Amino acid sequence: MKKMKSKYEQFREKIKIVLYGTNTILGRMFDLVLLGLILLSVLLIMMETVQGINQKYHTQLIICEWIITVFFTIEYILRIISIQKPVKYIFSFYGIIDLLAVLPMYLSIFFPGASILSIVRALRFFRLFKILHIPQISHQSIQLREAIDASKEKILVFIYFVLISTIIIGSIMYLVEGKESGFTSIPMSIYWTIVTLTTVGYGDISPQTPLGQFIAALVMILGYGIIAVPTGIVTAEFAKSSLKNSNSVSGKKTCRKCNSQIHFDNAKYCYECGTELPNN
């Protein structure tokens, strides 16, 4: 005999369908409202920094931001209580973003101006990929994540090499140019090196001697190579991931339970919910 579910358990199930059920009507409607509020929130924060608008509508902007913050807070709490493993959600990528989306407004009570940090709510737009539920997009995002994860050690070694290079070049420029040209210290020379290597070139400091200008020209040329290397590393890993998972998304088999199409061609069970897949 089946055990009757309590009202609380029934409530949790209904909330879970709305918050996590991207394939249900209520879930879709909620996701659309959520995206609209995220967009509105980001626009409100931007307008608050425009002096003319802020002076005229400051109170209205703050009230709207607080209303949206309360909504996000309730949503965050409901997401925690509606799933079986709340700790997993809290420390997940989306869980951390959801928390960061509400914290700044509460911090602004004690630290005026902290509300501007609410702009991190823009990160919540990553949910768009989950809401759209397009297999090709989901597959590409998985491949990109795998490529970045596989190349992080190489990129860290490369950054370490660049940091050492900037210290050496900065020190050389300090000796060659000196304080007369604006290279007042080694840290200031390192700043110039970083700005030049990244091809930003603010122009606030520039070498005056022929030797300094020659070194600067070499640093500028080197800068293009430095930009290209991390891109090449990630691109190579992305190509490997694409080749490895070329059959990841078939689009031929659709799960009867969750309608997911994200799975390997030879998969017997759904990648999302574990339901047995049709043999077509």
Protein backbone atom coordinates (compact mmCIF):
# COMPACT_ATOMS: atom_id res chain seq x y z
CA MET A 1 0.00 0.00 0.00
CA LYS A 2 1.40 3.35 -1.08
CA LYS A 3 2.18 5.88 1.58
CA MET A 4 0.20 9.11 1.26
CA LYS A 5 2.34 12.12 0.56
CA SER A 6 2.16 14.96 3.04
CA LYS A 7 1.00 18.41 1.98
CA TYR A 8 4.56 19.66 2.32
CA GLU A 9 5.87 16.96 -0.05
CA GLN A 10 3.10 17.76 -2.53
CA PHE A 11 4.01 21.44 -2.28
CA ARG A 12 7.67 20.63 -2.93
CA GLU A 13 6.79 18.59 -6.01
CA LYS A 14 4.63 21.37 -7.45
CA ILE A 15 7.36 23.96 -6.85
CA LYS A 16 9.95 21.66 -8.44
CA ILE A 17 7.80 21.31 -11.57
CA VAL A 18 7.56 25.10 -11.89
CA LEU A 19 11.22 25.89 -11.09
CA TYR A 20 12.94 23.01 -12.84
CA GLY A 21 10.35 21.75 -15.32
CA THR A 22 11.50 23.44 -18.53
CA ASN A 23 9.24 21.09 -20.54
CA THR A 24 6.05 22.07 -18.70
CA ILE A 25 3.81 25.05 -19.48
CA LEU A 26 4.16 26.50 -15.97
CA GLY A 27 7.92 25.91 -16.07
CA ARG A 28 8.26 27.68 -19.42
CA MET A 29 6.14 30.62 -18.24
CA PHE A 30 8.19 30.97 -15.07
CA ASP A 31 11.46 30.84 -17.04
CA LEU A 32 10.24 33.60 -19.38
CA VAL A 33 9.18 35.77 -16.42
CA LEU A 34 12.53 35.09 -14.75
CA LEU A 35 14.50 36.13 -17.85
CA GLY A 36 12.37 39.27 -18.16
CA LEU A 37 13.06 40.23 -14.52
CA ILE A 38 16.78 39.59 -14.94
CA LEU A 39 16.85 41.88 -17.98
CA LEU A 40 14.79 44.54 -16.16
CA SER A 41 17.07 44.32 -13.12
CA VAL A 42 20.23 44.82 -15.20
CA LEU A 43 18.65 47.81 -16.96
CA LEU A 44 17.61 49.36 -13.63
CA ILE A 45 21.15 49.06 -12.26
CA MET A 46 22.54 50.66 -15.42
CA MET A 47 20.05 53.54 -15.22
CA GLU A 48 20.96 54.11 -11.57
CA THR A 49 24.47 55.05 -12.69
CA VAL A 50 23.15 57.68 -15.15
CA GLN A 51 23.23 60.88 -13.10
CA GLY A 52 20.21 62.59 -14.67
CA ILE A 53 17.95 59.53 -14.41
CA ASN A 54 19.15 58.67 -10.91
CA GLN A 55 18.49 62.18 -9.57
CA LYS A 56 14.95 62.18 -10.93
CA TYR A 57 13.88 58.57 -10.28
CA HIS A 58 16.26 57.36 -7.54
CA THR A 59 13.50 56.27 -5.13
CA GLN A 60 11.53 54.45 -7.84
CA LEU A 61 14.65 52.65 -9.06
CA ILE A 62 15.56 51.47 -5.55
CA ILE A 63 12.00 50.26 -4.88
CA CYS A 64 11.95 48.29 -8.14
CA GLU A 65 15.36 46.77 -7.39
CA TRP A 66 14.19 45.68 -3.94
CA ILE A 67 11.01 44.11 -5.35
CA ILE A 68 13.06 42.11 -7.85
CA THR A 69 15.57 41.18 -5.12
CA VAL A 70 12.79 39.85 -2.89
CA PHE A 71 11.44 37.82 -5.82
CA PHE A 72 14.90 36.34 -6.50
CA THR A 73 15.34 35.62 -2.78
CA ILE A 74 12.05 33.71 -2.58
CA GLU A 75 12.97 31.84 -5.78
CA TYR A 76 16.40 30.92 -4.33
CA ILE A 77 14.84 29.59 -1.12
CA LEU A 78 12.19 27.61 -3.03
CA ARG A 79 14.88 26.06 -5.24
CA ILE A 80 16.68 24.85 -2.10
CA ILE A 81 13.63 23.32 -0.39
CA SER A 82 12.13 21.76 -3.53
CA ILE A 83 14.97 19.38 -4.42
CA GLN A 84 16.27 16.25 -2.73
CA LYS A 85 19.91 17.40 -2.50
CA PRO A 86 19.87 21.14 -1.66
CA VAL A 87 23.59 21.25 -0.83
CA LYS A 88 24.41 20.12 -4.36
CA TYR A 89 22.40 23.03 -5.77
CA ILE A 90 23.82 25.59 -3.30
CA PHE A 91 27.41 24.84 -4.33
CA SER A 92 26.65 24.33 -8.02
CA PHE A 93 27.48 26.90 -10.71
CA TYR A 94 23.89 28.11 -10.98
CA GLY A 95 23.38 28.00 -7.21
CA ILE A 96 26.34 30.31 -6.57
CA ILE A 97 25.17 32.71 -9.29
CA ASP A 98 21.65 32.77 -7.82
CA LEU A 99 23.09 33.61 -4.40
CA LEU A 100 25.34 36.35 -5.81
CA ALA A 101 22.29 37.82 -7.54
CA VAL A 102 20.59 38.64 -4.23
CA LEU A 103 23.49 39.39 -1.86
CA PRO A 104 24.50 42.88 -3.12
CA MET A 105 21.16 44.54 -2.29
CA TYR A 106 21.28 43.21 1.27
CA LEU A 107 24.92 44.27 1.59
CA SER A 108 23.93 47.78 0.48
CA ILE A 109 22.11 48.18 3.82
CA PHE A 110 25.51 48.15 5.55
CA PHE A 111 27.74 49.27 2.66
CA PRO A 112 26.10 52.02 0.56
CA GLY A 113 26.82 51.60 -3.13
CA ALA A 114 27.15 47.81 -2.95
CA SER A 115 23.85 47.49 -4.82
CA ILE A 116 25.74 48.22 -8.05
CA LEU A 117 27.31 44.77 -7.69
CA SER A 118 23.85 43.37 -8.46
CA ILE A 119 24.92 43.68 -12.09
CA VAL A 120 26.25 40.11 -11.63
CA ARG A 121 22.62 39.11 -12.18
CA ALA A 122 23.48 39.26 -15.87
CA LEU A 123 25.23 35.90 -15.31
CA ARG A 124 21.81 34.38 -14.79
CA PHE A 125 21.26 34.71 -18.53
CA PHE A 126 23.28 31.48 -18.79
CA ARG A 127 20.01 29.77 -17.87
CA LEU A 128 18.82 30.65 -21.37
CA PHE A 129 20.70 27.62 -22.73
CA LYS A 130 18.89 25.30 -20.32
CA ILE A 131 15.54 26.92 -21.08
CA LEU A 132 15.93 26.71 -24.88
CA HIS A 133 16.90 23.04 -24.51
CA ILE A 134 18.31 22.89 -28.05
CA PRO A 135 20.55 19.79 -28.32
CA GLN A 136 23.10 21.45 -30.63
CA ILE A 137 23.57 24.44 -28.29
CA SER A 138 23.80 22.23 -25.21
CA HIS A 139 26.30 19.98 -26.96
CA GLN A 140 28.51 22.89 -28.03
CA SER A 141 28.50 24.36 -24.51
CA ILE A 142 29.57 20.98 -23.09
CA GLN A 143 32.39 20.75 -25.66
CA LEU A 144 33.58 24.28 -24.87
CA ARG A 145 33.62 23.52 -21.13
CA GLU A 146 35.59 20.32 -21.76
CA ALA A 147 38.06 22.20 -23.98
CA ILE A 148 38.68 24.91 -21.37
CA ASP A 149 39.03 22.33 -18.61
CA ALA A 150 41.51 20.27 -20.66
CA SER A 151 43.66 23.31 -21.51
CA LYS A 152 43.71 25.04 -18.10
CA GLU A 153 47.11 23.56 -17.10
CA LYS A 154 48.73 24.71 -20.34
CA ILE A 155 47.21 28.17 -20.01
CA LEU A 156 48.42 28.46 -16.38
CA VAL A 157 51.97 27.56 -17.44
CA PHE A 158 51.74 30.11 -20.27
CA ILE A 159 50.49 32.85 -17.90
CA TYR A 160 53.33 32.02 -15.51
CA PHE A 161 55.82 32.47 -18.39
CA VAL A 162 54.18 35.80 -19.38
CA LEU A 163 54.37 37.10 -15.78
CA ILE A 164 58.08 36.33 -15.58
CA SER A 165 58.62 37.95 -18.99
CA THR A 166 56.83 41.15 -17.93
CA ILE A 167 59.02 41.42 -14.81
CA ILE A 168 62.21 41.03 -16.86
CA ILE A 169 61.12 43.40 -19.66
CA GLY A 170 59.82 45.95 -17.15
CA SER A 171 63.12 45.91 -15.27
CA ILE A 172 65.08 46.36 -18.54
CA MET A 173 62.86 49.31 -19.56
CA TYR A 174 63.40 50.90 -16.15
CA LEU A 175 67.17 50.73 -16.69
CA VAL A 176 67.03 51.90 -20.33
CA GLU A 177 64.50 54.74 -20.02
CA GLY A 178 64.66 55.86 -16.39
CA LYS A 179 62.48 58.34 -14.52
CA GLU A 180 62.79 61.05 -17.19
CA SER A 181 60.58 59.06 -19.61
CA GLY A 182 57.94 58.17 -17.00
CA PHE A 183 59.42 54.81 -15.96
CA THR A 184 59.65 55.96 -12.34
CA SER A 185 59.86 52.48 -10.82
CA ILE A 186 59.98 48.81 -11.78
CA PRO A 187 56.25 48.30 -10.92
CA MET A 188 55.41 51.26 -13.22
CA SER A 189 57.62 49.73 -15.94
CA ILE A 190 55.87 46.37 -15.49
CA TYR A 191 52.52 48.18 -15.88
CA TRP A 192 53.76 49.64 -19.19
CA THR A 193 54.92 46.18 -20.31
CA ILE A 194 51.54 44.58 -19.56
CA VAL A 195 49.67 47.39 -21.34
CA THR A 196 51.95 47.08 -24.36
CA LEU A 197 51.89 43.26 -24.48
CA THR A 198 48.09 43.26 -24.45
CA THR A 199 48.16 45.77 -27.36
CA VAL A 200 46.08 48.25 -25.32
CA GLY A 201 48.70 51.02 -25.35
CA TYR A 202 47.19 53.85 -23.29
CA GLY A 203 50.04 56.18 -24.26
CA ASP A 204 50.44 57.58 -20.73
CA ILE A 205 54.01 56.21 -20.70
CA SER A 206 56.16 55.88 -23.79
CA PRO A 207 59.88 55.23 -24.37
CA GLN A 208 61.96 58.17 -25.63
CA THR A 209 65.35 56.63 -26.36
CA PRO A 210 66.07 54.68 -29.59
CA LEU A 211 66.93 51.52 -27.62
CA GLY A 212 63.74 51.83 -25.57
CA GLN A 213 61.67 52.29 -28.72
CA PHE A 214 63.30 49.24 -30.30
CA ILE A 215 62.47 47.12 -27.22
CA ALA A 216 58.93 48.53 -27.27
CA ALA A 217 58.53 47.48 -30.93
CA LEU A 218 59.63 43.93 -30.05
CA VAL A 219 57.18 43.85 -27.11
CA MET A 220 54.33 44.99 -29.39
CA ILE A 221 55.09 42.23 -31.92
CA LEU A 222 55.39 39.71 -29.08
CA GLY A 223 51.98 40.87 -27.85
CA TYR A 224 50.21 39.48 -30.91
CA GLY A 225 51.79 36.10 -30.31
CA ILE A 226 50.77 36.16 -26.65
CA ILE A 227 47.15 36.80 -27.61
CA ALA A 228 47.22 33.98 -30.18
CA VAL A 229 48.72 31.25 -27.95
CA PRO A 230 45.83 30.77 -25.44
CA THR A 231 43.35 30.92 -28.32
CA GLY A 232 45.29 28.22 -30.16
CA ILE A 233 45.46 26.01 -27.05
CA VAL A 234 41.70 26.17 -26.44
CA THR A 235 40.93 25.75 -30.17
CA ALA A 236 43.09 22.60 -30.35
CA GLU A 237 41.39 21.09 -27.30
CA PHE A 238 37.98 22.06 -28.70
CA ALA A 239 38.83 20.25 -31.96
CA LYS A 240 39.86 17.15 -29.98
CA SER A 241 36.61 17.29 -27.99
CA SER A 242 34.58 17.68 -31.21
CA LEU A 243 36.29 14.64 -32.74
CA LYS A 244 35.89 12.60 -29.57
CA ASN A 245 32.21 13.44 -29.16
CA SER A 246 31.26 13.66 -32.82
CA ASN A 247 28.37 11.28 -32.16
CA SER A 248 27.27 12.81 -28.84
CA VAL A 249 24.03 14.35 -30.02
CA SER A 250 22.03 12.26 -32.41
CA GLY A 251 18.73 14.10 -32.52
CA LYS A 252 17.23 10.75 -33.60
CA LYS A 253 16.28 9.35 -30.20
CA THR A 254 13.98 11.34 -27.96
CA CYS A 255 13.40 10.43 -24.32
CA ARG A 256 9.77 9.50 -23.63
CA LYS A 257 9.91 11.04 -20.16
CA CYS A 258 11.81 14.35 -20.44
CA ASN A 259 11.99 14.77 -24.25
CA SER A 260 15.76 15.20 -24.08
CA GLN A 261 17.83 14.53 -27.21
CA ILE A 262 21.25 14.96 -25.57
CA HIS A 263 22.84 11.49 -25.66
CA PHE A 264 25.23 9.28 -27.58
CA ASP A 265 23.93 7.50 -30.67
CA ASN A 266 24.51 4.11 -29.07
CA ALA A 267 23.09 5.15 -25.68
CA LYS A 268 20.47 2.89 -24.12
CA TYR A 269 19.43 5.30 -21.38
CA CYS A 270 18.64 9.04 -21.33
CA TYR A 271 21.53 11.31 -20.36
CA GLU A 272 19.15 13.62 -18.44
CA CYS A 273 16.81 11.34 -16.47
CA GLY A 274 18.04 7.76 -16.99
CA THR A 275 14.89 6.51 -18.73
CA GLU A 276 15.37 3.74 -21.29
CA LEU A 277 15.54 5.17 -24.80
CA PRO A 278 13.56 3.87 -27.82
CA ASN A 279 15.42 1.67 -30.30
CA ASN A 280 14.47 3.66 -33.40
